[in-house]
Amino acid sequence: MPNWCFTEYRCCGNKGELVDLKEKIDHLNSLPDPLVENGFGKLWCGCLVSLLGGDWNEIFCRGEIVDYGFFGCTLNMSVMSAWSQLEQWRKFLKTKYPNIQIYYRSEEPGEIIYETNDVDGKSYFPERYILDSLDGSAYFNSLEEAAEYVSEKTGKNVATEDEIEAALNEQEEKEVENDDNAFYSFNKFKILEEDEP
């Protein structure tokens, strides 16, 4: 069984191409059965590849669109996939829609993979750090923001990544005494530079 990766995609650019992509996803979602038999459902990523004329056997598609829709002029897609964001699938979409840009932020906690291609953090995903805990996920745009949050949470004055880690480890040890499930996982997003999102 794979570890599941959760990826948020933000597609922007040519309005006609964005509308066409959404209409293709709407079509798949309206079918009584999946376009291609699979273990995910109607919005399996391989169904979209097939609808767009590609061969899902040649493109890693092990994932599904779990939510999608327009937010302003941006087409947002949430995808759950095996192990990592679907790079081949994303690049295939770019060949079919060359006038849109696809930004993403992916999170796979099991293998500690946190990535984004929003290089300058000014487009859609400014977050550079994430803190997972029983309280959910907290995102931070800078180390300073993370340090301030962790300082308040732990009562320790922290400023560096190492100090944050040490304070959270100590906090986790305290909380585990009352709740075996208590945990803190602090990670930095890897910035993946590409020629074009």
N, C-alpha and C. Protein backbone atom coordinates (compact mmCIF):
# COMPACT_ATOMS: atom_id res chain seq x y z
N MET A 1 0.84 -1.18 0.00
CA MET A 1 0.00 0.00 0.00
C MET A 1 0.89 1.25 0.00
N PRO A 2 0.62 2.19 -0.87
CA PRO A 2 1.48 3.37 -0.94
C PRO A 2 1.19 4.38 0.16
N ASN A 3 2.15 5.26 0.37
CA ASN A 3 1.89 6.46 1.14
C ASN A 3 1.17 7.42 0.22
N TRP A 4 0.20 8.14 0.75
CA TRP A 4 -0.58 9.05 -0.09
C TRP A 4 -0.03 10.46 -0.02
N CYS A 5 0.09 11.04 -1.19
CA CYS A 5 0.56 12.41 -1.35
C CYS A 5 -0.63 13.29 -1.70
N PHE A 6 -0.73 14.43 -1.06
CA PHE A 6 -1.83 15.36 -1.32
C PHE A 6 -1.24 16.60 -1.99
N THR A 7 -1.74 16.88 -3.19
CA THR A 7 -1.19 17.97 -3.98
C THR A 7 -2.29 18.95 -4.35
N GLU A 8 -1.99 20.22 -4.14
CA GLU A 8 -2.86 21.30 -4.59
C GLU A 8 -2.26 21.88 -5.86
N TYR A 9 -3.06 21.90 -6.93
CA TYR A 9 -2.63 22.49 -8.19
C TYR A 9 -3.38 23.80 -8.41
N ARG A 10 -2.68 24.80 -8.92
CA ARG A 10 -3.29 26.06 -9.31
C ARG A 10 -2.93 26.30 -10.78
N CYS A 11 -3.95 26.24 -11.62
CA CYS A 11 -3.75 26.40 -13.06
C CYS A 11 -4.22 27.79 -13.47
N CYS A 12 -3.34 28.53 -14.14
CA CYS A 12 -3.68 29.89 -14.55
C CYS A 12 -3.17 30.13 -15.96
N GLY A 13 -3.66 31.19 -16.59
CA GLY A 13 -3.22 31.51 -17.93
C GLY A 13 -4.38 31.66 -18.88
N ASN A 14 -4.29 31.02 -20.05
CA ASN A 14 -5.27 31.15 -21.11
C ASN A 14 -6.65 30.68 -20.65
N LYS A 15 -7.62 31.60 -20.67
CA LYS A 15 -8.96 31.30 -20.16
C LYS A 15 -9.63 30.18 -20.94
N GLY A 16 -9.49 30.20 -22.27
CA GLY A 16 -10.11 29.15 -23.08
C GLY A 16 -9.59 27.77 -22.73
N GLU A 17 -8.29 27.65 -22.53
CA GLU A 17 -7.71 26.35 -22.17
C GLU A 17 -8.14 25.92 -20.78
N LEU A 18 -8.21 26.87 -19.85
CA LEU A 18 -8.66 26.54 -18.49
C LEU A 18 -10.10 26.05 -18.50
N VAL A 19 -10.96 26.73 -19.25
CA VAL A 19 -12.37 26.34 -19.34
C VAL A 19 -12.48 24.95 -19.97
N ASP A 20 -11.70 24.71 -21.03
CA ASP A 20 -11.74 23.41 -21.69
C ASP A 20 -11.31 22.29 -20.73
N LEU A 21 -10.24 22.53 -19.97
CA LEU A 21 -9.78 21.53 -19.00
C LEU A 21 -10.86 21.24 -17.97
N LYS A 22 -11.47 22.27 -17.43
CA LYS A 22 -12.53 22.05 -16.44
C LYS A 22 -13.71 21.31 -17.06
N GLU A 23 -14.08 21.65 -18.28
CA GLU A 23 -15.19 20.96 -18.94
C GLU A 23 -14.88 19.49 -19.16
N LYS A 24 -13.62 19.17 -19.43
CA LYS A 24 -13.22 17.75 -19.59
C LYS A 24 -13.39 17.01 -18.26
N ILE A 25 -12.98 17.66 -17.18
CA ILE A 25 -13.13 17.03 -15.86
C ILE A 25 -14.61 16.90 -15.51
N ASP A 26 -15.41 17.94 -15.81
CA ASP A 26 -16.86 17.87 -15.58
C ASP A 26 -17.46 16.69 -16.34
N HIS A 27 -17.03 16.51 -17.58
CA HIS A 27 -17.55 15.40 -18.39
C HIS A 27 -17.25 14.06 -17.74
N LEU A 28 -16.01 13.87 -17.32
CA LEU A 28 -15.65 12.62 -16.65
C LEU A 28 -16.51 12.40 -15.40
N ASN A 29 -16.72 13.47 -14.66
CA ASN A 29 -17.49 13.39 -13.41
C ASN A 29 -18.96 13.08 -13.67
N SER A 30 -19.46 13.43 -14.86
CA SER A 30 -20.87 13.22 -15.17
C SER A 30 -21.17 11.82 -15.71
N LEU A 31 -20.13 11.09 -16.08
CA LEU A 31 -20.35 9.74 -16.63
C LEU A 31 -20.89 8.79 -15.57
N PRO A 32 -21.73 7.84 -15.97
CA PRO A 32 -22.23 6.87 -14.98
C PRO A 32 -21.13 5.94 -14.46
N ASP A 33 -20.13 5.67 -15.30
CA ASP A 33 -19.01 4.80 -14.92
C ASP A 33 -17.71 5.46 -15.39
N PRO A 34 -16.58 5.07 -14.79
CA PRO A 34 -15.31 5.64 -15.23
C PRO A 34 -15.05 5.38 -16.71
N LEU A 35 -14.43 6.34 -17.37
CA LEU A 35 -14.07 6.20 -18.78
C LEU A 35 -13.14 5.01 -18.98
N VAL A 36 -12.23 4.80 -18.04
CA VAL A 36 -11.31 3.67 -18.05
C VAL A 36 -11.48 2.94 -16.72
N GLU A 37 -11.62 1.62 -16.78
CA GLU A 37 -11.77 0.85 -15.54
C GLU A 37 -10.52 1.02 -14.68
N ASN A 38 -10.74 1.29 -13.38
CA ASN A 38 -9.61 1.54 -12.48
C ASN A 38 -10.07 1.35 -11.05
N GLY A 39 -9.16 1.48 -10.12
CA GLY A 39 -9.48 1.31 -8.71
C GLY A 39 -9.77 2.60 -7.97
N PHE A 40 -9.84 3.73 -8.67
CA PHE A 40 -10.05 5.02 -8.03
C PHE A 40 -11.47 5.55 -8.24
N GLY A 41 -11.92 5.58 -9.48
CA GLY A 41 -13.24 6.14 -9.76
C GLY A 41 -13.23 6.98 -11.02
N LYS A 42 -14.29 7.76 -11.19
CA LYS A 42 -14.48 8.53 -12.42
C LYS A 42 -13.41 9.60 -12.63
N LEU A 43 -12.86 10.12 -11.54
CA LEU A 43 -11.86 11.18 -11.67
C LEU A 43 -10.43 10.68 -11.46
N TRP A 44 -10.23 9.39 -11.77
CA TRP A 44 -8.87 8.85 -11.79
C TRP A 44 -8.07 9.64 -12.82
N CYS A 45 -6.85 9.97 -12.51
CA CYS A 45 -6.04 10.80 -13.40
C CYS A 45 -5.83 10.15 -14.77
N GLY A 46 -5.84 8.82 -14.83
CA GLY A 46 -5.71 8.13 -16.11
C GLY A 46 -6.92 8.33 -17.01
N CYS A 47 -8.09 8.55 -16.42
CA CYS A 47 -9.28 8.84 -17.23
C CYS A 47 -9.09 10.15 -17.98
N LEU A 48 -8.54 11.16 -17.32
CA LEU A 48 -8.31 12.44 -17.97
C LEU A 48 -7.27 12.29 -19.08
N VAL A 49 -6.22 11.54 -18.81
CA VAL A 49 -5.20 11.30 -19.84
C VAL A 49 -5.84 10.65 -21.06
N SER A 50 -6.66 9.64 -20.85
CA SER A 50 -7.32 8.95 -21.95
C SER A 50 -8.24 9.88 -22.72
N LEU A 51 -9.03 10.69 -22.01
CA LEU A 51 -9.95 11.61 -22.66
C LEU A 51 -9.19 12.63 -23.51
N LEU A 52 -7.99 12.99 -23.09
CA LEU A 52 -7.18 13.97 -23.83
C LEU A 52 -6.32 13.32 -24.92
N GLY A 53 -6.53 12.02 -25.15
CA GLY A 53 -5.84 11.34 -26.24
C GLY A 53 -4.50 10.74 -25.89
N GLY A 54 -4.19 10.67 -24.61
CA GLY A 54 -2.92 10.08 -24.19
C GLY A 54 -3.09 8.62 -23.80
N ASP A 55 -1.98 7.96 -23.54
CA ASP A 55 -1.98 6.55 -23.14
C ASP A 55 -1.64 6.48 -21.65
N TRP A 56 -2.63 6.14 -20.84
CA TRP A 56 -2.42 6.09 -19.40
C TRP A 56 -1.42 5.00 -18.99
N ASN A 57 -1.13 4.06 -19.89
CA ASN A 57 -0.12 3.04 -19.59
C ASN A 57 1.30 3.61 -19.63
N GLU A 58 1.47 4.73 -20.32
CA GLU A 58 2.79 5.32 -20.47
C GLU A 58 3.03 6.50 -19.53
N ILE A 59 2.00 6.93 -18.84
CA ILE A 59 2.08 8.08 -17.94
C ILE A 59 1.66 7.63 -16.55
N PHE A 60 2.49 7.89 -15.54
CA PHE A 60 2.14 7.48 -14.18
C PHE A 60 0.93 8.29 -13.72
N CYS A 61 -0.18 7.58 -13.50
CA CYS A 61 -1.47 8.23 -13.19
C CYS A 61 -2.07 7.72 -11.89
N ARG A 62 -1.30 7.17 -11.00
CA ARG A 62 -1.87 6.54 -9.81
C ARG A 62 -2.35 7.60 -8.81
N GLY A 63 -3.53 8.12 -9.10
CA GLY A 63 -4.10 9.15 -8.25
C GLY A 63 -5.44 9.59 -8.79
N GLU A 64 -6.12 10.42 -8.03
CA GLU A 64 -7.43 10.90 -8.45
C GLU A 64 -7.63 12.35 -8.05
N ILE A 65 -8.44 13.03 -8.85
CA ILE A 65 -8.84 14.39 -8.53
C ILE A 65 -9.94 14.30 -7.48
N VAL A 66 -9.70 14.82 -6.31
CA VAL A 66 -10.69 14.71 -5.23
C VAL A 66 -11.54 15.96 -5.09
N ASP A 67 -11.07 17.06 -5.69
CA ASP A 67 -11.84 18.30 -5.67
C ASP A 67 -11.30 19.20 -6.77
N TYR A 68 -12.17 20.02 -7.35
CA TYR A 68 -11.72 20.93 -8.40
C TYR A 68 -12.75 22.02 -8.59
N GLY A 69 -12.34 23.12 -9.21
CA GLY A 69 -13.26 24.20 -9.53
C GLY A 69 -12.51 25.50 -9.72
N PHE A 70 -13.22 26.46 -10.28
CA PHE A 70 -12.63 27.77 -10.48
C PHE A 70 -12.70 28.59 -9.20
N PHE A 71 -11.62 29.30 -8.93
CA PHE A 71 -11.57 30.30 -7.87
C PHE A 71 -11.06 31.55 -8.55
N GLY A 72 -11.97 32.44 -8.87
CA GLY A 72 -11.60 33.58 -9.70
C GLY A 72 -11.21 33.09 -11.09
N CYS A 73 -10.06 33.47 -11.55
CA CYS A 73 -9.58 33.06 -12.88
C CYS A 73 -8.66 31.85 -12.82
N THR A 74 -8.57 31.22 -11.67
CA THR A 74 -7.67 30.09 -11.47
C THR A 74 -8.47 28.79 -11.34
N LEU A 75 -8.04 27.76 -12.05
CA LEU A 75 -8.63 26.44 -11.90
C LEU A 75 -7.84 25.70 -10.83
N ASN A 76 -8.49 25.37 -9.74
CA ASN A 76 -7.85 24.67 -8.62
C ASN A 76 -8.20 23.19 -8.69
N MET A 77 -7.20 22.34 -8.46
CA MET A 77 -7.43 20.90 -8.38
C MET A 77 -6.71 20.35 -7.15
N SER A 78 -7.41 19.51 -6.41
CA SER A 78 -6.80 18.78 -5.31
C SER A 78 -6.69 17.33 -5.75
N VAL A 79 -5.48 16.78 -5.66
CA VAL A 79 -5.23 15.43 -6.15
C VAL A 79 -4.57 14.60 -5.05
N MET A 80 -5.09 13.38 -4.86
CA MET A 80 -4.48 12.42 -3.96
C MET A 80 -3.80 11.37 -4.84
N SER A 81 -2.51 11.17 -4.63
CA SER A 81 -1.76 10.24 -5.49
C SER A 81 -0.79 9.40 -4.67
N ALA A 82 -0.29 8.36 -5.30
CA ALA A 82 0.64 7.46 -4.63
C ALA A 82 2.04 8.04 -4.61
N TRP A 83 2.59 8.19 -3.41
CA TRP A 83 3.98 8.52 -3.15
C TRP A 83 4.40 9.97 -3.40
N SER A 84 3.98 10.57 -4.49
CA SER A 84 4.44 11.92 -4.80
C SER A 84 3.47 12.60 -5.75
N GLN A 85 3.70 13.87 -6.02
CA GLN A 85 2.85 14.56 -7.00
C GLN A 85 3.10 13.91 -8.35
N LEU A 86 2.08 13.95 -9.20
CA LEU A 86 2.12 13.24 -10.47
C LEU A 86 2.84 14.08 -11.54
N GLU A 87 4.15 14.03 -11.53
CA GLU A 87 4.95 14.87 -12.44
C GLU A 87 4.66 14.55 -13.91
N GLN A 88 4.63 13.27 -14.26
CA GLN A 88 4.37 12.91 -15.67
C GLN A 88 2.97 13.38 -16.09
N TRP A 89 2.01 13.22 -15.22
CA TRP A 89 0.63 13.62 -15.51
C TRP A 89 0.55 15.14 -15.70
N ARG A 90 1.20 15.88 -14.81
CA ARG A 90 1.22 17.34 -14.90
C ARG A 90 1.88 17.80 -16.20
N LYS A 91 3.00 17.17 -16.55
CA LYS A 91 3.69 17.56 -17.78
C LYS A 91 2.88 17.17 -19.02
N PHE A 92 2.14 16.08 -18.93
CA PHE A 92 1.25 15.71 -20.04
C PHE A 92 0.16 16.78 -20.22
N LEU A 93 -0.43 17.23 -19.11
CA LEU A 93 -1.44 18.29 -19.20
C LEU A 93 -0.86 19.53 -19.87
N LYS A 94 0.41 19.85 -19.56
CA LYS A 94 1.05 21.02 -20.17
C LYS A 94 1.20 20.86 -21.68
N THR A 95 1.39 19.61 -22.16
CA THR A 95 1.50 19.43 -23.62
C THR A 95 0.15 19.67 -24.29
N LYS A 96 -0.93 19.39 -23.58
CA LYS A 96 -2.27 19.57 -24.14
C LYS A 96 -2.77 21.00 -23.97
N TYR A 97 -2.27 21.65 -22.94
CA TYR A 97 -2.68 23.03 -22.65
C TYR A 97 -1.41 23.88 -22.48
N PRO A 98 -0.73 24.18 -23.58
CA PRO A 98 0.58 24.86 -23.49
C PRO A 98 0.51 26.30 -23.00
N ASN A 99 -0.67 26.90 -22.98
CA ASN A 99 -0.77 28.30 -22.58
C ASN A 99 -1.29 28.49 -21.15
N ILE A 100 -1.20 27.43 -20.36
CA ILE A 100 -1.51 27.58 -18.94
C ILE A 100 -0.26 27.22 -18.14
N GLN A 101 -0.16 27.79 -16.96
CA GLN A 101 0.91 27.47 -16.02
C GLN A 101 0.28 26.64 -14.90
N ILE A 102 1.01 25.65 -14.44
CA ILE A 102 0.50 24.78 -13.37
C ILE A 102 1.45 24.85 -12.19
N TYR A 103 1.02 25.52 -11.15
CA TYR A 103 1.77 25.59 -9.90
C TYR A 103 1.23 24.52 -8.95
N TYR A 104 2.09 24.01 -8.08
CA TYR A 104 1.62 23.00 -7.13
C TYR A 104 2.36 23.10 -5.79
N ARG A 105 1.70 22.54 -4.79
CA ARG A 105 2.31 22.32 -3.48
C ARG A 105 1.91 20.91 -3.08
N SER A 106 2.89 20.03 -2.86
CA SER A 106 2.58 18.64 -2.51
C SER A 106 3.11 18.30 -1.12
N GLU A 107 2.36 17.41 -0.47
CA GLU A 107 2.70 17.00 0.90
C GLU A 107 2.53 15.49 1.02
N GLU A 108 3.62 14.81 1.35
CA GLU A 108 3.58 13.37 1.60
C GLU A 108 4.30 13.13 2.92
N PRO A 109 3.56 13.15 4.03
CA PRO A 109 4.19 13.09 5.36
C PRO A 109 4.93 11.79 5.66
N GLY A 110 4.48 10.67 5.07
CA GLY A 110 5.09 9.37 5.37
C GLY A 110 6.56 9.31 5.01
N GLU A 111 6.91 9.84 3.86
CA GLU A 111 8.30 9.86 3.40
C GLU A 111 8.92 11.25 3.57
N ILE A 112 8.19 12.13 4.22
CA ILE A 112 8.63 13.50 4.49
C ILE A 112 9.02 14.21 3.18
N ILE A 113 8.06 14.24 2.26
CA ILE A 113 8.25 14.93 0.99
C ILE A 113 7.31 16.13 0.97
N TYR A 114 7.88 17.30 0.97
CA TYR A 114 7.13 18.56 0.91
C TYR A 114 7.77 19.39 -0.20
N GLU A 115 7.01 19.68 -1.27
CA GLU A 115 7.58 20.33 -2.43
C GLU A 115 6.63 21.35 -3.04
N THR A 116 7.21 22.32 -3.73
CA THR A 116 6.44 23.27 -4.51
C THR A 116 7.28 23.74 -5.68
N ASN A 117 6.61 24.14 -6.76
CA ASN A 117 7.33 24.74 -7.89
C ASN A 117 7.04 26.24 -7.97
N ASP A 118 6.42 26.79 -6.93
CA ASP A 118 6.20 28.24 -6.86
C ASP A 118 7.48 28.86 -6.29
N VAL A 119 8.45 29.05 -7.17
CA VAL A 119 9.82 29.38 -6.78
C VAL A 119 9.91 30.63 -5.92
N ASP A 120 9.26 31.71 -6.36
CA ASP A 120 9.39 32.96 -5.61
C ASP A 120 8.34 33.09 -4.51
N GLY A 121 7.40 32.14 -4.46
CA GLY A 121 6.38 32.18 -3.42
C GLY A 121 5.39 33.31 -3.59
N LYS A 122 5.37 33.93 -4.75
CA LYS A 122 4.50 35.09 -4.96
C LYS A 122 3.27 34.75 -5.79
N SER A 123 3.22 33.55 -6.36
CA SER A 123 2.10 33.21 -7.23
C SER A 123 0.93 32.64 -6.44
N TYR A 124 1.09 31.43 -5.91
CA TYR A 124 -0.01 30.79 -5.19
C TYR A 124 0.39 30.12 -3.89
N PHE A 125 1.65 29.74 -3.77
CA PHE A 125 2.08 28.98 -2.59
C PHE A 125 3.27 29.65 -1.92
N PRO A 126 3.01 30.65 -1.07
CA PRO A 126 4.11 31.35 -0.40
C PRO A 126 4.69 30.58 0.78
N GLU A 127 4.00 29.51 1.20
CA GLU A 127 4.42 28.77 2.39
C GLU A 127 5.78 28.11 2.16
N ARG A 128 6.64 28.23 3.15
CA ARG A 128 7.97 27.62 3.05
C ARG A 128 8.21 26.59 4.15
N TYR A 129 7.36 26.60 5.18
CA TYR A 129 7.48 25.63 6.28
C TYR A 129 6.09 25.12 6.65
N ILE A 130 6.06 23.89 7.19
CA ILE A 130 4.81 23.30 7.65
C ILE A 130 5.05 22.60 8.98
N LEU A 131 4.09 22.73 9.88
CA LEU A 131 4.13 22.03 11.16
C LEU A 131 2.88 21.17 11.25
N ASP A 132 3.07 19.85 11.25
CA ASP A 132 1.96 18.92 11.42
C ASP A 132 1.90 18.49 12.88
N SER A 133 0.68 18.38 13.40
CA SER A 133 0.48 17.93 14.78
C SER A 133 -0.95 17.43 14.91
N LEU A 134 -1.31 17.01 16.10
CA LEU A 134 -2.69 16.59 16.34
C LEU A 134 -3.68 17.72 16.08
N ASP A 135 -3.21 18.94 16.18
CA ASP A 135 -4.07 20.11 15.94
C ASP A 135 -4.29 20.37 14.45
N GLY A 136 -3.60 19.63 13.58
CA GLY A 136 -3.70 19.84 12.14
C GLY A 136 -2.39 20.39 11.60
N SER A 137 -2.47 21.04 10.46
CA SER A 137 -1.27 21.59 9.81
C SER A 137 -1.26 23.11 9.92
N ALA A 138 -0.10 23.65 10.25
CA ALA A 138 0.10 25.09 10.27
C ALA A 138 1.18 25.41 9.24
N TYR A 139 0.93 26.42 8.43
CA TYR A 139 1.84 26.82 7.36
C TYR A 139 2.48 28.17 7.69
N PHE A 140 3.74 28.32 7.27
CA PHE A 140 4.47 29.54 7.56
C PHE A 140 5.20 30.00 6.30
N ASN A 141 5.14 31.29 6.04
CA ASN A 141 5.80 31.84 4.86
C ASN A 141 7.29 32.08 5.08
N SER A 142 7.72 32.06 6.33
CA SER A 142 9.14 32.32 6.62
C SER A 142 9.54 31.59 7.90
N LEU A 143 10.84 31.46 8.08
CA LEU A 143 11.37 30.86 9.30
C LEU A 143 10.99 31.72 10.51
N GLU A 144 10.97 33.02 10.32
CA GLU A 144 10.63 33.93 11.43
C GLU A 144 9.20 33.68 11.91
N GLU A 145 8.26 33.50 10.96
CA GLU A 145 6.87 33.20 11.34
C GLU A 145 6.79 31.89 12.11
N ALA A 146 7.51 30.87 11.62
CA ALA A 146 7.50 29.57 12.28
C ALA A 146 8.09 29.67 13.68
N ALA A 147 9.18 30.40 13.81
CA ALA A 147 9.84 30.55 15.11
C ALA A 147 8.93 31.25 16.11
N GLU A 148 8.24 32.27 15.65
CA GLU A 148 7.33 33.00 16.55
C GLU A 148 6.21 32.07 17.04
N TYR A 149 5.65 31.29 16.12
CA TYR A 149 4.56 30.37 16.48
C TYR A 149 5.05 29.32 17.48
N VAL A 150 6.20 28.72 17.18
CA VAL A 150 6.72 27.66 18.05
C VAL A 150 7.14 28.23 19.40
N SER A 151 7.67 29.43 19.42
CA SER A 151 8.03 30.07 20.69
C SER A 151 6.80 30.22 21.58
N GLU A 152 5.69 30.67 20.98
CA GLU A 152 4.45 30.81 21.75
C GLU A 152 3.91 29.46 22.18
N LYS A 153 4.00 28.46 21.31
CA LYS A 153 3.46 27.13 21.59
C LYS A 153 4.22 26.43 22.71
N THR A 154 5.55 26.58 22.71
CA THR A 154 6.39 25.81 23.63
C THR A 154 6.90 26.61 24.83
N GLY A 155 6.82 27.93 24.74
CA GLY A 155 7.38 28.76 25.82
C GLY A 155 8.88 28.87 25.73
N LYS A 156 9.47 28.41 24.64
CA LYS A 156 10.91 28.50 24.43
C LYS A 156 11.19 29.58 23.39
N ASN A 157 12.24 30.33 23.60
CA ASN A 157 12.61 31.36 22.63
C ASN A 157 13.48 30.71 21.55
N VAL A 158 12.90 30.54 20.35
CA VAL A 158 13.62 29.86 19.26
C VAL A 158 13.75 30.78 18.06
N ALA A 159 14.79 30.53 17.24
CA ALA A 159 15.00 31.36 16.06
C ALA A 159 15.45 30.55 14.85
N THR A 160 16.15 29.43 15.08
CA THR A 160 16.69 28.63 13.98
C THR A 160 15.88 27.35 13.80
N GLU A 161 16.09 26.67 12.68
CA GLU A 161 15.41 25.39 12.44
C GLU A 161 15.76 24.38 13.52
N ASP A 162 17.05 24.31 13.89
CA ASP A 162 17.47 23.36 14.92
C ASP A 162 16.81 23.66 16.27
N GLU A 163 16.72 24.95 16.62
CA GLU A 163 16.07 25.32 17.89
C GLU A 163 14.59 24.98 17.86
N ILE A 164 13.96 25.19 16.71
CA ILE A 164 12.54 24.84 16.57
C ILE A 164 12.35 23.34 16.78
N GLU A 165 13.18 22.54 16.10
CA GLU A 165 13.10 21.08 16.23
C GLU A 165 13.28 20.64 17.69
N ALA A 166 14.27 21.20 18.36
CA ALA A 166 14.55 20.82 19.75
C ALA A 166 13.37 21.18 20.66
N ALA A 167 12.82 22.37 20.49
CA ALA A 167 11.68 22.80 21.31
C ALA A 167 10.46 21.92 21.06
N LEU A 168 10.22 21.57 19.81
CA LEU A 168 9.07 20.72 19.49
C LEU A 168 9.25 19.30 20.01
N ASN A 169 10.47 18.77 19.95
CA ASN A 169 10.74 17.44 20.50
C ASN A 169 10.47 17.41 22.01
N GLU A 170 10.90 18.46 22.69
CA GLU A 170 10.68 18.56 24.14
C GLU A 170 9.18 18.68 24.43
N GLN A 171 8.49 19.48 23.63
CA GLN A 171 7.04 19.65 23.81
C GLN A 171 6.31 18.33 23.58
N GLU A 172 6.73 17.60 22.57
CA GLU A 172 6.11 16.31 22.26
C GLU A 172 6.29 15.33 23.42
N GLU A 173 7.49 15.29 23.99
CA GLU A 173 7.75 14.41 25.13
C GLU A 173 6.82 14.72 26.29
N LYS A 174 6.58 16.00 26.55
CA LYS A 174 5.67 16.39 27.62
C LYS A 174 4.24 15.94 27.33
N GLU A 175 3.79 16.15 26.08
CA GLU A 175 2.40 15.85 25.72
C GLU A 175 2.13 14.36 25.61
N VAL A 176 3.16 13.58 25.26
CA VAL A 176 2.98 12.13 25.13
C VAL A 176 2.62 11.51 26.48
N GLU A 177 3.03 12.14 27.56
CA GLU A 177 2.69 11.62 28.90
C GLU A 177 1.18 11.57 29.10
N ASN A 178 0.44 12.49 28.48
CA ASN A 178 -1.02 12.54 28.62
C ASN A 178 -1.75 11.98 27.40
N ASP A 179 -1.08 11.93 26.26
CA ASP A 179 -1.72 11.46 25.03
C ASP A 179 -0.66 10.78 24.17
N ASP A 180 -0.78 9.44 24.05
CA ASP A 180 0.20 8.66 23.28
C ASP A 180 0.28 9.09 21.82
N ASN A 181 -0.75 9.73 21.32
CA ASN A 181 -0.79 10.10 19.91
C ASN A 181 -0.15 11.47 19.62
N ALA A 182 0.25 12.18 20.65
CA ALA A 182 0.81 13.52 20.45
C ALA A 182 2.06 13.45 19.58
N PHE A 183 2.17 14.37 18.65
CA PHE A 183 3.36 14.44 17.80
C PHE A 183 3.50 15.83 17.20
N TYR A 184 4.73 16.15 16.80
CA TYR A 184 5.03 17.37 16.06
C TYR A 184 6.01 17.00 14.94
N SER A 185 5.71 17.45 13.75
CA SER A 185 6.59 17.21 12.61
C SER A 185 6.76 18.53 11.86
N PHE A 186 7.97 19.07 11.94
CA PHE A 186 8.27 20.36 11.34
C PHE A 186 9.12 20.16 10.09
N ASN A 187 8.68 20.70 8.96
CA ASN A 187 9.38 20.45 7.70
C ASN A 187 9.44 21.70 6.84
N LYS A 188 10.46 21.72 5.99
CA LYS A 188 10.65 22.82 5.05
C LYS A 188 10.25 22.34 3.65
N PHE A 189 9.54 23.17 2.91
CA PHE A 189 9.19 22.83 1.54
C PHE A 189 10.43 22.94 0.65
N LYS A 190 10.64 21.91 -0.16
CA LYS A 190 11.70 21.95 -1.16
C LYS A 190 11.18 22.72 -2.36
N ILE A 191 11.97 23.67 -2.83
CA ILE A 191 11.59 24.47 -3.98
C ILE A 191 12.17 23.84 -5.24
N LEU A 192 11.31 23.40 -6.14
CA LEU A 192 11.76 22.75 -7.37
C LEU A 192 11.68 23.74 -8.51
N GLU A 193 12.82 24.17 -8.99
CA GLU A 193 12.85 25.12 -10.09
C GLU A 193 12.68 24.37 -11.41
N GLU A 194 11.83 24.93 -12.26
CA GLU A 194 11.60 24.35 -13.57
C GLU A 194 11.63 25.48 -14.59
N ASP A 195 11.76 25.11 -15.86
CA ASP A 195 11.75 26.15 -16.91
C ASP A 195 10.46 26.94 -16.87
N GLU A 196 9.33 26.22 -16.67
CA GLU A 196 8.02 26.88 -16.63
C GLU A 196 7.08 25.99 -15.83
N PRO A 197 6.29 26.60 -14.93
CA PRO A 197 5.35 25.78 -14.16
C PRO A 197 4.34 25.09 -15.06
